[in-house]
């Protein structure tokens, strides 16, 4: 996100990133359950480091994906096709590409999962339910990225693991070692640090928003009573953000200007 110009690096954000990385390292150091020494053999044969390398590559590519989505939903030029798309339309363009990539990877690495012998009507119904859930989740994630940021979405995904971990412990009797618990705690602390950094950061006012606020104050000085809306032509001439175009403003004798209802 910093490379794309979507985030700044202040001390609180750097502390949050450090805690998140330290938490991931501690979780990775948790000794895996051994099945006849198989886990130790896999680690000694280099499969463990191969898997870690693939995981790091996947994380880097995933971060670029969400940064690109944030750039599309927040920085697309007004009037462009991307800026005019709804979250559902963006999902309709994204999901077919994702499905094609997953299907091609399944042919390469999981060919046995595509055997016709395992297909059944019950499996088809389950797949439809899962696909519907993934579609809804993708729309929600895109909306979350638009109103916050890609980094905030990833941080919230860490907080989202809390009920999953508790459900695993309570329902499936999962055991959590000291390293895993400490790593989870550090990751949680990093997420809270990032939330605090976003909450305390001073809002950035662009020149367009500053000009719009000045024009709004002038309208306040000309209007004595009643309600008055901002016309679209006037808003476009001021080049105000899309979030304020067409939003009616109302007079309040308790404030010093117009404010959205």
C-alpha atoms as a PDB file:
ATOM      1  CA  UNK A   1       0.000   0.000   0.000  1.00  0.00           C
ATOM      2  CA  UNK A   2       2.907   2.371   0.674  1.00  0.00           C
ATOM      3  CA  UNK A   3       4.363   1.669  -2.785  1.00  0.00           C
ATOM      4  CA  UNK A   4       1.001   2.470  -4.374  1.00  0.00           C
ATOM      5  CA  UNK A   5       0.791   5.706  -2.367  1.00  0.00           C
ATOM      6  CA  UNK A   6      -2.252   4.518  -0.419  1.00  0.00           C
ATOM      7  CA  UNK A   7      -0.781   4.538   3.092  1.00  0.00           C
ATOM      8  CA  UNK A   8       1.674   6.590   5.104  1.00  0.00           C
ATOM      9  CA  UNK A   9       4.291   5.147   7.449  1.00  0.00           C
ATOM     10  CA  UNK A  10       4.064   6.761  10.859  1.00  0.00           C
ATOM     11  CA  UNK A  11       5.508   5.256  14.083  1.00  0.00           C
ATOM     12  CA  UNK A  12       2.205   3.642  15.093  1.00  0.00           C
ATOM     13  CA  UNK A  13       1.807   1.930  11.733  1.00  0.00           C
ATOM     14  CA  UNK A  14       5.409   0.717  11.823  1.00  0.00           C
ATOM     15  CA  UNK A  15       4.829  -0.669  15.326  1.00  0.00           C
ATOM     16  CA  UNK A  16       1.677  -2.402  14.099  1.00  0.00           C
ATOM     17  CA  UNK A  17       3.574  -3.983  11.195  1.00  0.00           C
ATOM     18  CA  UNK A  18       6.366  -5.122  13.523  1.00  0.00           C
ATOM     19  CA  UNK A  19       3.906  -6.759  15.912  1.00  0.00           C
ATOM     20  CA  UNK A  20       2.096  -8.469  13.056  1.00  0.00           C
ATOM     21  CA  UNK A  21       5.336  -9.884  11.629  1.00  0.00           C
ATOM     22  CA  UNK A  22       6.561 -10.999  15.055  1.00  0.00           C
ATOM     23  CA  UNK A  23       3.238 -12.703  15.680  1.00  0.00           C
ATOM     24  CA  UNK A  24       3.463 -14.563  12.389  1.00  0.00           C
ATOM     25  CA  UNK A  25       7.014 -15.697  13.154  1.00  0.00           C
ATOM     26  CA  UNK A  26       6.039 -17.001  16.596  1.00  0.00           C
ATOM     27  CA  UNK A  27       3.052 -18.847  15.182  1.00  0.00           C
ATOM     28  CA  UNK A  28       5.283 -20.439  12.558  1.00  0.00           C
ATOM     29  CA  UNK A  29       7.690 -21.622  15.266  1.00  0.00           C
ATOM     30  CA  UNK A  30       4.940 -23.653  16.930  1.00  0.00           C
ATOM     31  CA  UNK A  31       6.045 -27.334  16.773  1.00  0.00           C
ATOM     32  CA  UNK A  32       3.737 -29.218  14.384  1.00  0.00           C
ATOM     33  CA  UNK A  33       2.015 -32.393  15.536  1.00  0.00           C
ATOM     34  CA  UNK A  34       4.087 -35.352  14.430  1.00  0.00           C
ATOM     35  CA  UNK A  35       2.618 -38.447  12.842  1.00  0.00           C
ATOM     36  CA  UNK A  36       5.273 -41.100  13.110  1.00  0.00           C
ATOM     37  CA  UNK A  37       7.990 -38.509  12.561  1.00  0.00           C
ATOM     38  CA  UNK A  38       6.506 -37.489   9.216  1.00  0.00           C
ATOM     39  CA  UNK A  39       6.483 -33.763  10.006  1.00  0.00           C
ATOM     40  CA  UNK A  40      10.140 -33.869  11.035  1.00  0.00           C
ATOM     41  CA  UNK A  41      11.045 -35.795   7.882  1.00  0.00           C
ATOM     42  CA  UNK A  42       9.225 -33.256   5.717  1.00  0.00           C
ATOM     43  CA  UNK A  43      11.065 -30.397   7.435  1.00  0.00           C
ATOM     44  CA  UNK A  44      14.417 -32.134   7.023  1.00  0.00           C
ATOM     45  CA  UNK A  45      13.774 -32.855   3.337  1.00  0.00           C
ATOM     46  CA  UNK A  46      13.184 -29.196   2.535  1.00  0.00           C
ATOM     47  CA  UNK A  47       9.416 -29.433   1.979  1.00  0.00           C
ATOM     48  CA  UNK A  48       8.790 -27.122   4.916  1.00  0.00           C
ATOM     49  CA  UNK A  49      10.890 -24.296   3.469  1.00  0.00           C
ATOM     50  CA  UNK A  50       9.388 -24.882   0.037  1.00  0.00           C
ATOM     51  CA  UNK A  51       5.918 -24.446   1.506  1.00  0.00           C
ATOM     52  CA  UNK A  52       6.946 -21.326   3.416  1.00  0.00           C
ATOM     53  CA  UNK A  53       8.378 -19.816   0.223  1.00  0.00           C
ATOM     54  CA  UNK A  54       5.145 -20.468  -1.665  1.00  0.00           C
ATOM     55  CA  UNK A  55       3.170 -18.941   1.204  1.00  0.00           C
ATOM     56  CA  UNK A  56       5.271 -15.762   1.177  1.00  0.00           C
ATOM     57  CA  UNK A  57       4.831 -15.419  -2.603  1.00  0.00           C
ATOM     58  CA  UNK A  58       1.059 -15.860  -2.212  1.00  0.00           C
ATOM     59  CA  UNK A  59       0.953 -13.207   0.518  1.00  0.00           C
ATOM     60  CA  UNK A  60       2.865 -10.700  -1.632  1.00  0.00           C
ATOM     61  CA  UNK A  61       0.592 -11.275  -4.629  1.00  0.00           C
ATOM     62  CA  UNK A  62      -2.524 -11.067  -2.457  1.00  0.00           C
ATOM     63  CA  UNK A  63      -1.390  -7.757  -0.964  1.00  0.00           C
ATOM     64  CA  UNK A  64      -0.909  -6.319  -4.446  1.00  0.00           C
ATOM     65  CA  UNK A  65      -4.363  -7.490  -5.417  1.00  0.00           C
ATOM     66  CA  UNK A  66      -6.043  -5.670  -2.539  1.00  0.00           C
ATOM     67  CA  UNK A  67      -3.926  -2.560  -3.078  1.00  0.00           C
ATOM     68  CA  UNK A  68      -5.041  -2.549  -6.723  1.00  0.00           C
ATOM     69  CA  UNK A  69      -8.688  -2.910  -5.672  1.00  0.00           C
ATOM     70  CA  UNK A  70      -8.307   0.035  -3.283  1.00  0.00           C
ATOM     71  CA  UNK A  71      -6.731   2.089  -6.078  1.00  0.00           C
ATOM     72  CA  UNK A  72      -9.641   1.217  -8.380  1.00  0.00           C
ATOM     73  CA  UNK A  73     -12.460   1.987  -5.943  1.00  0.00           C
ATOM     74  CA  UNK A  74     -10.899   5.122  -4.429  1.00  0.00           C
ATOM     75  CA  UNK A  75      -8.742   6.733  -7.105  1.00  0.00           C
ATOM     76  CA  UNK A  76     -10.457   5.987 -10.419  1.00  0.00           C
ATOM     77  CA  UNK A  77     -11.131   9.229 -12.354  1.00  0.00           C
ATOM     78  CA  UNK A  78     -14.650  10.555 -11.956  1.00  0.00           C
ATOM     79  CA  UNK A  79     -16.752   9.574 -14.939  1.00  0.00           C
ATOM     80  CA  UNK A  80     -14.629   6.561 -15.878  1.00  0.00           C
ATOM     81  CA  UNK A  81     -16.101   3.082 -16.296  1.00  0.00           C
ATOM     82  CA  UNK A  82     -14.372   1.767 -13.168  1.00  0.00           C
ATOM     83  CA  UNK A  83     -15.604   4.662 -11.034  1.00  0.00           C
ATOM     84  CA  UNK A  84     -19.159   4.072 -12.230  1.00  0.00           C
ATOM     85  CA  UNK A  85     -19.212   0.365 -11.368  1.00  0.00           C
ATOM     86  CA  UNK A  86     -21.028  -0.882  -8.308  1.00  0.00           C
ATOM     87  CA  UNK A  87     -19.493  -3.438  -5.942  1.00  0.00           C
ATOM     88  CA  UNK A  88     -21.634  -6.158  -7.487  1.00  0.00           C
ATOM     89  CA  UNK A  89     -20.449  -5.268 -10.994  1.00  0.00           C
ATOM     90  CA  UNK A  90     -16.816  -5.331  -9.876  1.00  0.00           C
ATOM     91  CA  UNK A  91     -17.395  -8.732  -8.308  1.00  0.00           C
ATOM     92  CA  UNK A  92     -19.000  -9.988 -11.525  1.00  0.00           C
ATOM     93  CA  UNK A  93     -15.795  -9.056 -13.392  1.00  0.00           C
ATOM     94  CA  UNK A  94     -13.411 -10.397 -10.730  1.00  0.00           C
ATOM     95  CA  UNK A  95     -14.955 -13.759  -9.848  1.00  0.00           C
ATOM     96  CA  UNK A  96     -14.863 -15.389 -13.331  1.00  0.00           C
ATOM     97  CA  UNK A  97     -11.128 -14.647 -13.589  1.00  0.00           C
ATOM     98  CA  UNK A  98     -10.572 -16.042 -10.098  1.00  0.00           C
ATOM     99  CA  UNK A  99     -12.567 -19.166 -10.964  1.00  0.00           C
ATOM    100  CA  UNK A 100     -10.580 -19.735 -14.171  1.00  0.00           C
ATOM    101  CA  UNK A 101      -7.273 -19.449 -12.301  1.00  0.00           C
ATOM    102  CA  UNK A 102      -8.419 -21.806  -9.520  1.00  0.00           C
ATOM    103  CA  UNK A 103      -9.695 -24.357 -12.049  1.00  0.00           C
ATOM    104  CA  UNK A 104      -6.435 -24.328 -13.992  1.00  0.00           C
ATOM    105  CA  UNK A 105      -4.438 -24.745 -10.766  1.00  0.00           C
ATOM    106  CA  UNK A 106      -6.716 -27.632  -9.758  1.00  0.00           C
ATOM    107  CA  UNK A 107      -5.968 -29.402 -13.051  1.00  0.00           C
ATOM    108  CA  UNK A 108      -2.250 -29.086 -12.337  1.00  0.00           C
ATOM    109  CA  UNK A 109      -2.028 -29.815  -8.605  1.00  0.00           C
ATOM    110  CA  UNK A 110      -5.323 -31.497  -7.636  1.00  0.00           C
ATOM    111  CA  UNK A 111      -6.371 -33.553 -10.640  1.00  0.00           C
ATOM    112  CA  UNK A 112      -7.867 -36.264  -8.412  1.00  0.00           C
ATOM    113  CA  UNK A 113     -10.359 -33.725  -7.001  1.00  0.00           C
ATOM    114  CA  UNK A 114     -11.876 -33.304 -10.486  1.00  0.00           C
ATOM    115  CA  UNK A 115     -12.683 -36.996 -10.915  1.00  0.00           C
ATOM    116  CA  UNK A 116     -16.281 -37.599 -12.004  1.00  0.00           C
ATOM    117  CA  UNK A 117     -16.554 -40.404  -9.464  1.00  0.00           C
ATOM    118  CA  UNK A 118     -16.838 -37.943  -6.568  1.00  0.00           C
ATOM    119  CA  UNK A 119     -19.523 -35.742  -8.144  1.00  0.00           C
ATOM    120  CA  UNK A 120     -23.052 -36.075  -6.758  1.00  0.00           C
ATOM    121  CA  UNK A 121     -26.211 -33.914  -6.465  1.00  0.00           C
ATOM    122  CA  UNK A 122     -25.394 -33.233  -2.820  1.00  0.00           C
ATOM    123  CA  UNK A 123     -21.924 -31.995  -3.727  1.00  0.00           C
ATOM    124  CA  UNK A 124     -23.414 -29.648  -6.341  1.00  0.00           C
ATOM    125  CA  UNK A 125     -25.759 -28.112  -3.764  1.00  0.00           C
ATOM    126  CA  UNK A 126     -22.904 -27.622  -1.321  1.00  0.00           C
ATOM    127  CA  UNK A 127     -20.790 -26.007  -4.035  1.00  0.00           C
ATOM    128  CA  UNK A 128     -23.596 -23.568  -4.877  1.00  0.00           C
ATOM    129  CA  UNK A 129     -23.971 -22.578  -1.221  1.00  0.00           C
ATOM    130  CA  UNK A 130     -20.210 -22.052  -0.870  1.00  0.00           C
ATOM    131  CA  UNK A 131     -20.063 -20.058  -4.123  1.00  0.00           C
ATOM    132  CA  UNK A 132     -22.913 -17.813  -2.958  1.00  0.00           C
ATOM    133  CA  UNK A 133     -21.168 -17.203   0.346  1.00  0.00           C
ATOM    134  CA  UNK A 134     -17.883 -16.373  -1.382  1.00  0.00           C
ATOM    135  CA  UNK A 135     -19.672 -13.929  -3.692  1.00  0.00           C
ATOM    136  CA  UNK A 136     -21.312 -12.122  -0.764  1.00  0.00           C
ATOM    137  CA  UNK A 137     -18.009 -12.064   1.111  1.00  0.00           C
ATOM    138  CA  UNK A 138     -16.190 -10.607  -1.903  1.00  0.00           C
ATOM    139  CA  UNK A 139     -18.739  -7.799  -2.269  1.00  0.00           C
ATOM    140  CA  UNK A 140     -18.415  -7.020   1.436  1.00  0.00           C
ATOM    141  CA  UNK A 141     -14.601  -7.022   1.221  1.00  0.00           C
ATOM    142  CA  UNK A 142     -14.598  -4.637  -1.756  1.00  0.00           C
ATOM    143  CA  UNK A 143     -16.960  -2.300   0.086  1.00  0.00           C
ATOM    144  CA  UNK A 144     -14.737  -2.469   3.163  1.00  0.00           C
ATOM    145  CA  UNK A 145     -11.657  -1.634   1.087  1.00  0.00           C
ATOM    146  CA  UNK A 146     -13.472   1.347  -0.447  1.00  0.00           C
ATOM    147  CA  UNK A 147     -14.530   2.892   2.869  1.00  0.00           C
ATOM    148  CA  UNK A 148     -11.267   2.087   4.691  1.00  0.00           C
ATOM    149  CA  UNK A 149      -8.143   0.665   3.015  1.00  0.00           C
ATOM    150  CA  UNK A 150      -6.547  -2.589   1.913  1.00  0.00           C
ATOM    151  CA  UNK A 151      -4.366  -2.606   5.019  1.00  0.00           C
ATOM    152  CA  UNK A 152      -7.382  -2.103   7.271  1.00  0.00           C
ATOM    153  CA  UNK A 153      -9.119  -5.039   5.592  1.00  0.00           C
ATOM    154  CA  UNK A 154      -6.139  -7.309   6.238  1.00  0.00           C
ATOM    155  CA  UNK A 155      -5.905  -6.128   9.850  1.00  0.00           C
ATOM    156  CA  UNK A 156      -9.593  -6.797  10.387  1.00  0.00           C
ATOM    157  CA  UNK A 157      -9.097 -10.287   8.959  1.00  0.00           C
ATOM    158  CA  UNK A 158      -6.682 -10.896  11.853  1.00  0.00           C
ATOM    159  CA  UNK A 159      -9.332  -9.838  14.356  1.00  0.00           C
ATOM    160  CA  UNK A 160     -11.764 -12.076  12.488  1.00  0.00           C
ATOM    161  CA  UNK A 161      -9.653 -15.076  13.525  1.00  0.00           C
ATOM    162  CA  UNK A 162     -10.647 -14.637  17.180  1.00  0.00           C
ATOM    163  CA  UNK A 163     -14.061 -16.386  16.958  1.00  0.00           C
ATOM    164  CA  UNK A 164     -12.574 -19.022  14.633  1.00  0.00           C
ATOM    165  CA  UNK A 165      -9.862 -19.899  17.158  1.00  0.00           C
ATOM    166  CA  UNK A 166     -12.374 -19.975  20.018  1.00  0.00           C
ATOM    167  CA  UNK A 167     -14.726 -22.195  18.017  1.00  0.00           C
ATOM    168  CA  UNK A 168     -11.879 -24.600  17.251  1.00  0.00           C
ATOM    169  CA  UNK A 169     -10.938 -24.840  20.915  1.00  0.00           C
ATOM    170  CA  UNK A 170     -14.493 -25.203  22.234  1.00  0.00           C
ATOM    171  CA  UNK A 171     -16.024 -27.385  19.529  1.00  0.00           C
ATOM    172  CA  UNK A 172     -13.138 -29.447  18.149  1.00  0.00           C
ATOM    173  CA  UNK A 173     -10.871 -29.533  21.208  1.00  0.00           C
ATOM    174  CA  UNK A 174      -7.963 -27.962  19.319  1.00  0.00           C
ATOM    175  CA  UNK A 175      -4.841 -27.393  21.376  1.00  0.00           C
ATOM    176  CA  UNK A 176      -2.888 -24.137  21.234  1.00  0.00           C
ATOM    177  CA  UNK A 177       0.768 -24.088  22.201  1.00  0.00           C
ATOM    178  CA  UNK A 178       2.641 -21.257  23.862  1.00  0.00           C
ATOM    179  CA  UNK A 179       4.218 -20.011  20.616  1.00  0.00           C
ATOM    180  CA  UNK A 180       0.906 -20.023  18.769  1.00  0.00           C
ATOM    181  CA  UNK A 181      -0.897 -18.220  21.596  1.00  0.00           C
ATOM    182  CA  UNK A 182       1.880 -15.624  21.904  1.00  0.00           C
ATOM    183  CA  UNK A 183       1.962 -15.092  18.136  1.00  0.00           C
ATOM    184  CA  UNK A 184      -1.796 -14.654  18.022  1.00  0.00           C
ATOM    185  CA  UNK A 185      -1.604 -12.148  20.871  1.00  0.00           C
ATOM    186  CA  UNK A 186       1.099 -10.119  19.099  1.00  0.00           C
ATOM    187  CA  UNK A 187      -0.902 -10.135  15.852  1.00  0.00           C
ATOM    188  CA  UNK A 188      -3.961  -8.940  17.752  1.00  0.00           C
ATOM    189  CA  UNK A 189      -1.922  -6.178  19.405  1.00  0.00           C
ATOM    190  CA  UNK A 190      -0.627  -5.130  15.990  1.00  0.00           C
ATOM    191  CA  UNK A 191      -4.157  -4.901  14.673  1.00  0.00           C
ATOM    192  CA  UNK A 192      -5.241  -2.738  17.577  1.00  0.00           C
ATOM    193  CA  UNK A 193      -2.204  -0.481  17.040  1.00  0.00           C
ATOM    194  CA  UNK A 194      -3.190   0.040  13.427  1.00  0.00           C
ATOM    195  CA  UNK A 195      -6.778   0.840  14.421  1.00  0.00           C
ATOM    196  CA  UNK A 196      -5.438   3.401  16.904  1.00  0.00           C
ATOM    197  CA  UNK A 197      -3.185   4.893  14.222  1.00  0.00           C
ATOM    198  CA  UNK A 198      -6.103   5.366  11.822  1.00  0.00           C
ATOM    199  CA  UNK A 199      -8.303   6.762  14.586  1.00  0.00           C
ATOM    200  CA  UNK A 200      -5.805   9.367  15.768  1.00  0.00           C
ATOM    201  CA  UNK A 201      -4.518  10.393  12.328  1.00  0.00           C
ATOM    202  CA  UNK A 202      -5.574  13.888  11.299  1.00  0.00           C
ATOM    203  CA  UNK A 203      -7.954  13.833   8.326  1.00  0.00           C
ATOM    204  CA  UNK A 204      -6.369  14.946   5.088  1.00  0.00           C
ATOM    205  CA  UNK A 205      -8.223  17.738   3.308  1.00  0.00           C
ATOM    206  CA  UNK A 206      -7.604  17.903  -0.422  1.00  0.00           C
ATOM    207  CA  UNK A 207      -7.665  21.285  -2.226  1.00  0.00           C
ATOM    208  CA  UNK A 208     -10.943  20.279  -3.913  1.00  0.00           C
ATOM    209  CA  UNK A 209     -12.629  19.616  -0.566  1.00  0.00           C
ATOM    210  CA  UNK A 210     -11.222  22.854   0.871  1.00  0.00           C
ATOM    211  CA  UNK A 211     -12.611  24.810  -2.116  1.00  0.00           C
ATOM    212  CA  UNK A 212     -15.980  23.120  -1.751  1.00  0.00           C
ATOM    213  CA  UNK A 213     -16.116  24.023   1.941  1.00  0.00           C
ATOM    214  CA  UNK A 214     -15.331  27.628   1.094  1.00  0.00           C
ATOM    215  CA  UNK A 215     -18.153  27.735  -1.444  1.00  0.00           C
ATOM    216  CA  UNK A 216     -20.470  26.146   1.092  1.00  0.00           C
ATOM    217  CA  UNK A 217     -19.662  28.909   3.575  1.00  0.00           C
ATOM    218  CA  UNK A 218     -20.435  31.537   0.933  1.00  0.00           C
ATOM    219  CA  UNK A 219     -23.820  29.911   0.319  1.00  0.00           C
ATOM    220  CA  UNK A 220     -24.453  30.044   4.059  1.00  0.00           C
ATOM    221  CA  UNK A 221     -23.780  33.745   4.087  1.00  0.00           C
ATOM    222  CA  UNK A 222     -26.289  34.319   1.245  1.00  0.00           C
ATOM    223  CA  UNK A 223     -29.104  32.214   2.647  1.00  0.00           C
ATOM    224  CA  UNK A 224     -31.069  33.435   5.636  1.00  0.00           C
ATOM    225  CA  UNK A 225     -33.642  30.681   6.210  1.00  0.00           C
ATOM    226  CA  UNK A 226     -35.036  27.535   4.649  1.00  0.00           C
ATOM    227  CA  UNK A 227     -33.337  24.663   2.849  1.00  0.00           C
ATOM    228  CA  UNK A 228     -31.225  24.697  -0.276  1.00  0.00           C
ATOM    229  CA  UNK A 229     -29.578  21.856  -2.199  1.00  0.00           C
ATOM    230  CA  UNK A 230     -26.223  21.825  -3.938  1.00  0.00           C
ATOM    231  CA  UNK A 231     -26.763  21.681  -7.681  1.00  0.00           C
ATOM    232  CA  UNK A 232     -24.849  19.100  -9.633  1.00  0.00           C
ATOM    233  CA  UNK A 233     -23.445  21.657 -12.069  1.00  0.00           C
ATOM    234  CA  UNK A 234     -22.058  23.780  -9.266  1.00  0.00           C
ATOM    235  CA  UNK A 235     -20.539  20.754  -7.606  1.00  0.00           C
ATOM    236  CA  UNK A 236     -18.870  19.639 -10.852  1.00  0.00           C
ATOM    237  CA  UNK A 237     -17.463  23.126 -11.402  1.00  0.00           C
ATOM    238  CA  UNK A 238     -15.877  22.931  -7.973  1.00  0.00           C
ATOM    239  CA  UNK A 239     -14.575  19.400  -8.657  1.00  0.00           C
ATOM    240  CA  UNK A 240     -15.763  18.109  -5.317  1.00  0.00           C
ATOM    241  CA  UNK A 241     -15.483  14.423  -4.414  1.00  0.00           C
ATOM    242  CA  UNK A 242     -18.211  12.093  -5.605  1.00  0.00           C
ATOM    243  CA  UNK A 243     -19.239  11.467  -2.003  1.00  0.00           C
ATOM    244  CA  UNK A 244     -20.632  15.009  -1.689  1.00  0.00           C
ATOM    245  CA  UNK A 245     -22.117  15.509  -5.157  1.00  0.00           C
ATOM    246  CA  UNK A 246     -25.882  15.569  -5.040  1.00  0.00           C
ATOM    247  CA  UNK A 247     -26.035  15.307  -1.249  1.00  0.00           C
ATOM    248  CA  UNK A 248     -28.615  17.857  -0.062  1.00  0.00           C
ATOM    249  CA  UNK A 249     -27.544  20.255   2.618  1.00  0.00           C
ATOM    250  CA  UNK A 250     -29.815  21.896   5.099  1.00  0.00           C
ATOM    251  CA  UNK A 251     -29.753  25.077   7.089  1.00  0.00           C
ATOM    252  CA  UNK A 252     -29.193  24.830  10.820  1.00  0.00           C
ATOM    253  CA  UNK A 253     -29.302  27.850  13.111  1.00  0.00           C
ATOM    254  CA  UNK A 254     -27.079  25.927  15.530  1.00  0.00           C
ATOM    255  CA  UNK A 255     -24.162  25.531  13.111  1.00  0.00           C
ATOM    256  CA  UNK A 256     -21.960  27.856  11.147  1.00  0.00           C
ATOM    257  CA  UNK A 257     -22.726  26.348   7.737  1.00  0.00           C
ATOM    258  CA  UNK A 258     -24.428  23.634   5.778  1.00  0.00           C
ATOM    259  CA  UNK A 259     -24.102  20.048   6.916  1.00  0.00           C
ATOM    260  CA  UNK A 260     -25.240  16.813   5.253  1.00  0.00           C
ATOM    261  CA  UNK A 261     -28.372  15.399   6.859  1.00  0.00           C
END
